[in-house]
Protein backbone atom coordinates (compact mmCIF):
# COMPACT_ATOMS: atom_id res chain seq x y z
CA GLN A 1 -17.12 5.87 2.06
CA VAL A 2 -14.20 3.51 1.69
CA GLN A 3 -11.86 3.45 4.66
CA LEU A 4 -8.42 1.90 4.74
CA VAL A 5 -6.99 0.37 7.89
CA GLU A 6 -3.25 -0.21 7.90
CA SER A 7 -1.22 -2.44 10.16
CA GLY A 8 2.19 -4.05 10.39
CA GLY A 9 4.49 -1.09 10.80
CA GLY A 10 7.09 -0.83 13.50
CA LEU A 11 10.75 -0.75 14.35
CA VAL A 12 13.11 -3.21 12.70
CA GLN A 13 16.87 -3.54 12.34
CA PRO A 14 18.58 -3.18 8.98
CA GLY A 15 18.26 -6.40 7.03
CA GLY A 16 15.06 -7.31 8.81
CA SER A 17 11.57 -7.78 7.47
CA LEU A 18 8.11 -6.37 7.98
CA ARG A 19 4.75 -7.18 6.46
CA LEU A 20 2.26 -4.39 6.00
CA SER A 21 -1.45 -5.01 5.58
CA CYS A 22 -4.21 -2.72 4.47
CA ALA A 23 -7.87 -3.68 4.57
CA ALA A 24 -10.49 -1.67 2.74
CA SER A 25 -13.89 -1.42 4.33
CA GLY A 26 -17.14 0.30 3.50
CA ARG A 27 -17.10 -0.62 -0.17
CA THR A 28 -20.58 -0.76 -1.62
CA PHE A 29 -21.93 -3.01 -4.32
CA ASN A 30 -21.70 -0.30 -6.95
CA ILE A 31 -17.94 0.17 -6.85
CA ASN A 32 -15.04 -2.06 -7.74
CA ILE A 33 -11.53 -1.86 -6.40
CA ASN A 34 -9.02 -1.46 -9.19
CA THR A 35 -5.47 -0.58 -8.25
CA MET A 36 -4.11 -1.04 -4.74
CA GLY A 37 -0.72 0.05 -3.60
CA TRP A 38 1.67 1.52 -1.12
CA TYR A 39 3.29 4.92 -1.01
CA ARG A 40 5.72 6.33 1.51
CA GLN A 41 6.65 9.77 2.71
CA THR A 42 9.30 11.32 4.92
CA PRO A 43 9.17 14.80 6.48
CA GLY A 44 9.85 17.50 3.93
CA ASN A 45 9.59 15.16 0.98
CA GLU A 46 6.85 14.30 -1.45
CA ARG A 47 4.93 11.07 -1.25
CA GLU A 48 6.44 8.45 -3.53
CA LEU A 49 5.18 5.22 -5.00
CA VAL A 50 6.60 2.08 -3.43
CA ALA A 51 4.54 -0.61 -5.12
CA ALA A 52 1.21 -1.04 -6.82
CA ILE A 53 -0.89 -3.94 -8.03
CA THR A 54 -3.81 -3.86 -10.44
CA ASN A 55 -6.95 -5.93 -10.42
CA SER A 56 -5.30 -8.14 -13.02
CA ASP A 57 -2.34 -8.69 -10.69
CA SER A 58 0.06 -6.59 -12.71
CA THR A 59 2.65 -5.08 -10.37
CA ASN A 60 4.86 -2.04 -10.38
CA TYR A 61 7.71 -1.29 -7.99
CA ALA A 62 9.94 1.63 -7.26
CA GLY A 63 13.44 0.89 -8.43
CA SER A 64 14.80 1.19 -4.91
CA VAL A 65 12.66 -1.68 -3.62
CA LYS A 66 12.70 -4.11 -6.53
CA GLY A 67 13.87 -7.51 -5.41
CA ARG A 68 13.26 -6.66 -1.76
CA PHE A 69 9.56 -5.85 -1.52
CA THR A 70 6.62 -7.88 -2.75
CA ILE A 71 3.09 -6.58 -3.11
CA SER A 72 0.08 -8.87 -3.17
CA ARG A 73 -3.66 -8.66 -2.68
CA ASP A 74 -6.52 -10.77 -1.44
CA ASN A 75 -9.58 -9.72 -3.38
CA THR A 76 -11.91 -11.77 -1.20
CA LYS A 77 -10.94 -9.58 1.74
CA ASP A 78 -10.24 -6.31 -0.10
CA THR A 79 -6.79 -6.38 1.42
CA VAL A 80 -3.38 -5.49 0.05
CA PHE A 81 -0.07 -6.59 1.54
CA LEU A 82 3.48 -5.42 1.30
CA GLN A 83 6.19 -7.87 2.29
CA MET A 84 9.35 -5.91 2.97
CA ASN A 85 12.62 -7.80 3.19
CA SER A 86 16.22 -6.69 3.49
CA LEU A 87 15.10 -3.41 4.95
CA ARG A 88 17.45 -0.45 4.89
CA PRO A 89 17.53 2.73 6.96
CA GLU A 90 16.48 4.69 3.89
CA ASP A 91 13.24 2.71 3.89
CA THR A 92 12.25 4.56 7.04
CA ALA A 93 9.07 6.48 6.30
CA VAL A 94 5.36 6.65 6.88
CA TYR A 95 3.77 4.13 4.56
CA TYR A 96 0.37 4.92 3.13
CA CYS A 97 -2.06 2.45 1.66
CA TYR A 98 -3.69 3.50 -1.61
CA VAL A 99 -6.83 2.21 -3.26
CA ARG A 100 -8.48 3.31 -6.48
CA THR A 101 -12.11 2.42 -7.00
CA ILE A 102 -14.24 2.57 -10.12
CA ALA A 103 -17.99 3.06 -10.10
CA THR A 104 -20.03 0.40 -11.83
CA ARG A 105 -23.14 2.55 -12.33
CA GLY A 106 -23.35 5.38 -14.83
CA TYR A 107 -20.08 7.13 -15.48
CA ALA A 108 -17.14 4.98 -14.40
CA LYS A 109 -15.88 7.50 -11.90
CA LYS A 110 -12.49 6.80 -10.41
CA THR A 111 -11.93 7.66 -6.77
CA ASP A 112 -8.71 7.48 -4.80
CA TYR A 113 -8.52 6.60 -1.12
CA TRP A 114 -5.64 6.84 1.29
CA GLY A 115 -4.90 5.20 4.57
CA GLN A 116 -3.76 7.28 7.51
CA GLY A 117 -0.26 5.86 7.37
CA THR A 118 1.83 3.46 9.40
CA GLN A 119 5.33 4.23 10.59
CA VAL A 120 8.19 2.01 9.47
CA THR A 121 11.51 2.67 11.14
CA VAL A 122 14.65 0.81 10.14
CA SER A 123 17.41 1.46 12.63
CA SER A 124 20.12 -0.36 14.50
């Protein structure tokens, strides 16, 4: 039911910046969004966590992006952002938005949703 629409990817030179956005739509009244985050994946490799933020604004970052990336969310718009600064070629990947929802009726079922990915390429 929930769909994630990503934007903000593109080509940038090393040292540059990009801002990714992900808006969740289709959320019904009986579910709450808990954790939101960003993962990335390159061909032949597993998807890895980049950054995550909880509904209490607690954040978690991959060691390789700490100090360079900042995750934030706008709960009024069900949107999560990833500000990426000082980009490096090794940041090149497809970035996937992630949202975990929790049902508010009956059993508090947790459901994970994924965006379709946005390409980030860091190259000179």
